[in-house]
Amino acid sequence: MRLDKYLKVSRLIKRRTVANEACDAGRIKINEKVAKAGAKVSVGDIIEIQFGNKAVKVEVLIVKETVKKDEAKDMFKYL
């Protein structure tokens, strides 16, 4: 699954366009490498998101195309 879509489906970022902009600005890394919006996300990947002064680091547990709102938090684990 594309990185921008995963961030939206997992609700780490609310909109896919915002996820695209964050990727273009170099604020998102997969396994410690700056990632583009089209980068593939796999189970076990470590995603790091820079939100202003705050960094969020998560591990990908599940990759699904669609998911219910209450199940979205099960797609990743905070590190």
C-alpha atoms as a PDB file:
ATOM      1  CA  MET A   1       0.000   0.000   0.000  1.00  0.00           C
ATOM      2  CA  ARG A   2       1.185   3.548  -0.709  1.00  0.00           C
ATOM      3  CA  LEU A   3       2.471   5.519   2.264  1.00  0.00           C
ATOM      4  CA  ASP A   4       0.023   8.415   1.849  1.00  0.00           C
ATOM      5  CA  LYS A   5      -2.953   6.037   1.702  1.00  0.00           C
ATOM      6  CA  TYR A   6      -1.743   4.076   4.750  1.00  0.00           C
ATOM      7  CA  LEU A   7      -1.399   7.266   6.800  1.00  0.00           C
ATOM      8  CA  LYS A   8      -4.971   8.238   5.894  1.00  0.00           C
ATOM      9  CA  VAL A   9      -6.551   4.788   6.405  1.00  0.00           C
ATOM     10  CA  SER A  10      -4.781   4.314   9.757  1.00  0.00           C
ATOM     11  CA  ARG A  11      -5.857   7.856  10.715  1.00  0.00           C
ATOM     12  CA  LEU A  12      -2.335   8.949  11.643  1.00  0.00           C
ATOM     13  CA  ILE A  13      -2.988  11.870   9.263  1.00  0.00           C
ATOM     14  CA  LYS A  14      -6.576  12.924   8.491  1.00  0.00           C
ATOM     15  CA  ARG A  15      -6.340  13.637   4.754  1.00  0.00           C
ATOM     16  CA  ARG A  16      -4.319  12.031   1.982  1.00  0.00           C
ATOM     17  CA  THR A  17      -3.369  15.415   0.513  1.00  0.00           C
ATOM     18  CA  VAL A  18      -1.897  16.452   3.875  1.00  0.00           C
ATOM     19  CA  ALA A  19       0.057  13.173   3.926  1.00  0.00           C
ATOM     20  CA  ASN A  20       1.345  13.955   0.403  1.00  0.00           C
ATOM     21  CA  GLU A  21       2.486  17.414   1.484  1.00  0.00           C
ATOM     22  CA  ALA A  22       4.246  16.006   4.569  1.00  0.00           C
ATOM     23  CA  CYS A  23       6.090  13.486   2.376  1.00  0.00           C
ATOM     24  CA  ASP A  24       7.101  16.188  -0.121  1.00  0.00           C
ATOM     25  CA  ALA A  25       8.476  18.285   2.756  1.00  0.00           C
ATOM     26  CA  GLY A  26      10.610  15.330   3.933  1.00  0.00           C
ATOM     27  CA  ARG A  27       8.855  15.027   7.310  1.00  0.00           C
ATOM     28  CA  ILE A  28       8.050  11.312   7.006  1.00  0.00           C
ATOM     29  CA  LYS A  29      10.566   8.466   7.163  1.00  0.00           C
ATOM     30  CA  ILE A  30      10.192   4.722   6.661  1.00  0.00           C
ATOM     31  CA  ASN A  31      12.903   2.671   8.371  1.00  0.00           C
ATOM     32  CA  GLU A  32      14.979   5.848   8.936  1.00  0.00           C
ATOM     33  CA  LYS A  33      14.944   6.872   5.238  1.00  0.00           C
ATOM     34  CA  VAL A  34      13.017   9.893   3.954  1.00  0.00           C
ATOM     35  CA  ALA A  35      10.026   8.513   2.040  1.00  0.00           C
ATOM     36  CA  LYS A  36       7.942   9.755  -0.873  1.00  0.00           C
ATOM     37  CA  ALA A  37       4.136   9.523  -0.878  1.00  0.00           C
ATOM     38  CA  GLY A  38       4.227   6.560  -3.285  1.00  0.00           C
ATOM     39  CA  ALA A  39       6.593   4.461  -1.155  1.00  0.00           C
ATOM     40  CA  LYS A  40       5.289   0.987  -0.326  1.00  0.00           C
ATOM     41  CA  VAL A  41       4.391   0.231   3.296  1.00  0.00           C
ATOM     42  CA  SER A  42       4.761  -3.334   4.596  1.00  0.00           C
ATOM     43  CA  VAL A  43       4.080  -5.036   7.921  1.00  0.00           C
ATOM     44  CA  GLY A  44       7.009  -4.462  10.277  1.00  0.00           C
ATOM     45  CA  ASP A  45       8.048  -1.108   8.802  1.00  0.00           C
ATOM     46  CA  ILE A  46       8.861   1.713  11.225  1.00  0.00           C
ATOM     47  CA  ILE A  47       7.268   5.040  10.239  1.00  0.00           C
ATOM     48  CA  GLU A  48       8.477   8.285  11.803  1.00  0.00           C
ATOM     49  CA  ILE A  49       6.377  11.450  11.358  1.00  0.00           C
ATOM     50  CA  GLN A  50       7.621  14.931  12.265  1.00  0.00           C
ATOM     51  CA  PHE A  51       4.755  17.171  13.501  1.00  0.00           C
ATOM     52  CA  GLY A  52       6.346  20.567  14.204  1.00  0.00           C
ATOM     53  CA  ASN A  53       8.414  20.047  17.375  1.00  0.00           C
ATOM     54  CA  LYS A  54       6.941  16.602  18.045  1.00  0.00           C
ATOM     55  CA  ALA A  55       7.933  13.294  16.442  1.00  0.00           C
ATOM     56  CA  VAL A  56       5.664  10.245  16.283  1.00  0.00           C
ATOM     57  CA  LYS A  57       7.189   6.810  15.719  1.00  0.00           C
ATOM     58  CA  VAL A  58       4.995   3.787  14.923  1.00  0.00           C
ATOM     59  CA  GLU A  59       5.427   0.195  13.787  1.00  0.00           C
ATOM     60  CA  VAL A  60       3.109  -1.096  11.048  1.00  0.00           C
ATOM     61  CA  LEU A  61       1.144  -4.138  12.273  1.00  0.00           C
ATOM     62  CA  ILE A  62      -1.618  -4.480   9.648  1.00  0.00           C
ATOM     63  CA  VAL A  63      -1.974  -3.218   6.067  1.00  0.00           C
ATOM     64  CA  LYS A  64      -5.610  -3.048   4.846  1.00  0.00           C
ATOM     65  CA  GLU A  65      -7.238  -0.983   2.089  1.00  0.00           C
ATOM     66  CA  THR A  66     -10.278  -0.071   4.198  1.00  0.00           C
ATOM     67  CA  VAL A  67     -10.873  -0.276   7.921  1.00  0.00           C
ATOM     68  CA  LYS A  68     -13.519   0.863  10.406  1.00  0.00           C
ATOM     69  CA  LYS A  69     -12.749   3.858  12.603  1.00  0.00           C
ATOM     70  CA  ASP A  70     -12.448   1.798  15.824  1.00  0.00           C
ATOM     71  CA  GLU A  71     -10.144  -0.748  14.138  1.00  0.00           C
ATOM     72  CA  ALA A  72      -7.761   1.900  12.725  1.00  0.00           C
ATOM     73  CA  LYS A  73      -5.740   2.112  15.951  1.00  0.00           C
ATOM     74  CA  ASP A  74      -4.958  -1.632  15.652  1.00  0.00           C
ATOM     75  CA  MET A  75      -3.078  -1.043  12.375  1.00  0.00           C
ATOM     76  CA  PHE A  76      -0.001   0.317  14.164  1.00  0.00           C
ATOM     77  CA  LYS A  77       1.818   0.376  17.495  1.00  0.00           C
ATOM     78  CA  TYR A  78       3.399   3.490  19.021  1.00  0.00           C
ATOM     79  CA  LEU A  79       7.107   3.153  19.828  1.00  0.00           C
END
